[in-house]
Amino acid sequence: MVSQSAIEKATIAEALYKNGSIPVKKIAKQLDISKTTLYLYLRLRNVRIGEKISEVLAG
């Protein structure tokens, strides 16, 4: 079971990650989570890792 706090952080992490202008390390630091946890949250939200929103829109 995922906590409400984790769900909220995952949602915020997804938005920041997809924006593409903030490095992963900085997103993790802002959310007070590790980079490993950040990538776990992104996978939980079915975010395609390594693909930014600009690439999705262009492709």
C-alpha atoms as a PDB file:
ATOM      1  CA  MET A   1       0.000   0.000   0.000  1.00  0.00           C
ATOM      2  CA  VAL A   2       1.294   3.454  -0.896  1.00  0.00           C
ATOM      3  CA  SER A   3       0.774   6.313   1.561  1.00  0.00           C
ATOM      4  CA  GLN A   4      -1.134   9.467   0.661  1.00  0.00           C
ATOM      5  CA  SER A   5       2.113  11.428   1.062  1.00  0.00           C
ATOM      6  CA  ALA A   6       3.864   9.127  -1.430  1.00  0.00           C
ATOM      7  CA  ILE A   7       1.013   9.508  -3.920  1.00  0.00           C
ATOM      8  CA  GLU A   8       1.227  13.293  -3.642  1.00  0.00           C
ATOM      9  CA  LYS A   9       5.004  13.275  -4.077  1.00  0.00           C
ATOM     10  CA  ALA A  10       4.695  10.927  -7.050  1.00  0.00           C
ATOM     11  CA  THR A  11       2.215  13.284  -8.721  1.00  0.00           C
ATOM     12  CA  ILE A  12       4.468  16.287  -8.142  1.00  0.00           C
ATOM     13  CA  ALA A  13       7.525  14.319  -9.276  1.00  0.00           C
ATOM     14  CA  GLU A  14       5.746  13.354 -12.502  1.00  0.00           C
ATOM     15  CA  ALA A  15       4.862  16.964 -13.308  1.00  0.00           C
ATOM     16  CA  LEU A  16       8.364  18.246 -12.591  1.00  0.00           C
ATOM     17  CA  TYR A  17      10.030  15.404 -14.475  1.00  0.00           C
ATOM     18  CA  LYS A  18       7.844  15.802 -17.555  1.00  0.00           C
ATOM     19  CA  ASN A  19       8.540  19.535 -17.580  1.00  0.00           C
ATOM     20  CA  GLY A  20      12.125  18.602 -18.394  1.00  0.00           C
ATOM     21  CA  SER A  21      13.755  21.770 -17.105  1.00  0.00           C
ATOM     22  CA  ILE A  22      14.641  20.514 -13.620  1.00  0.00           C
ATOM     23  CA  PRO A  23      17.369  17.876 -13.142  1.00  0.00           C
ATOM     24  CA  VAL A  24      16.327  14.607 -11.485  1.00  0.00           C
ATOM     25  CA  LYS A  25      18.740  15.215  -8.615  1.00  0.00           C
ATOM     26  CA  LYS A  26      17.096  18.563  -7.855  1.00  0.00           C
ATOM     27  CA  ILE A  27      13.559  17.127  -8.050  1.00  0.00           C
ATOM     28  CA  ALA A  28      14.534  14.410  -5.577  1.00  0.00           C
ATOM     29  CA  LYS A  29      16.124  16.949  -3.240  1.00  0.00           C
ATOM     30  CA  GLN A  30      13.070  19.257  -3.376  1.00  0.00           C
ATOM     31  CA  LEU A  31      10.761  16.344  -2.520  1.00  0.00           C
ATOM     32  CA  ASP A  32      13.174  15.018   0.141  1.00  0.00           C
ATOM     33  CA  ILE A  33      13.434  11.598  -1.516  1.00  0.00           C
ATOM     34  CA  SER A  34      16.273   9.643  -3.085  1.00  0.00           C
ATOM     35  CA  LYS A  35      16.735   9.447  -6.851  1.00  0.00           C
ATOM     36  CA  THR A  36      15.899   5.737  -6.588  1.00  0.00           C
ATOM     37  CA  THR A  37      12.579   6.569  -4.915  1.00  0.00           C
ATOM     38  CA  LEU A  38      11.913   9.259  -7.510  1.00  0.00           C
ATOM     39  CA  TYR A  39      12.320   6.741 -10.334  1.00  0.00           C
ATOM     40  CA  LEU A  40      10.118   4.264  -8.432  1.00  0.00           C
ATOM     41  CA  TYR A  41       7.394   6.913  -8.146  1.00  0.00           C
ATOM     42  CA  LEU A  42       7.699   7.730 -11.847  1.00  0.00           C
ATOM     43  CA  ARG A  43       7.342   4.048 -12.737  1.00  0.00           C
ATOM     44  CA  LEU A  44       4.299   3.769 -10.447  1.00  0.00           C
ATOM     45  CA  ARG A  45       2.729   6.619 -12.455  1.00  0.00           C
ATOM     46  CA  ASN A  46       3.650   4.908 -15.761  1.00  0.00           C
ATOM     47  CA  VAL A  47       5.993   7.721 -16.776  1.00  0.00           C
ATOM     48  CA  ARG A  48       8.311   6.862 -19.646  1.00  0.00           C
ATOM     49  CA  ILE A  49      11.774   7.398 -18.197  1.00  0.00           C
ATOM     50  CA  GLY A  50      14.149   9.372 -20.374  1.00  0.00           C
ATOM     51  CA  GLU A  51      11.388  10.891 -22.469  1.00  0.00           C
ATOM     52  CA  LYS A  52      10.523  14.519 -21.791  1.00  0.00           C
ATOM     53  CA  ILE A  53       7.223  16.192 -22.660  1.00  0.00           C
ATOM     54  CA  SER A  54       8.804  18.092 -25.551  1.00  0.00           C
ATOM     55  CA  GLU A  55       9.873  14.779 -27.111  1.00  0.00           C
ATOM     56  CA  VAL A  56       6.392  13.319 -26.643  1.00  0.00           C
ATOM     57  CA  LEU A  57       4.758  16.328 -28.295  1.00  0.00           C
ATOM     58  CA  ALA A  58       7.233  16.316 -31.176  1.00  0.00           C
ATOM     59  CA  GLY A  59       6.926  12.591 -31.824  1.00  0.00           C
END
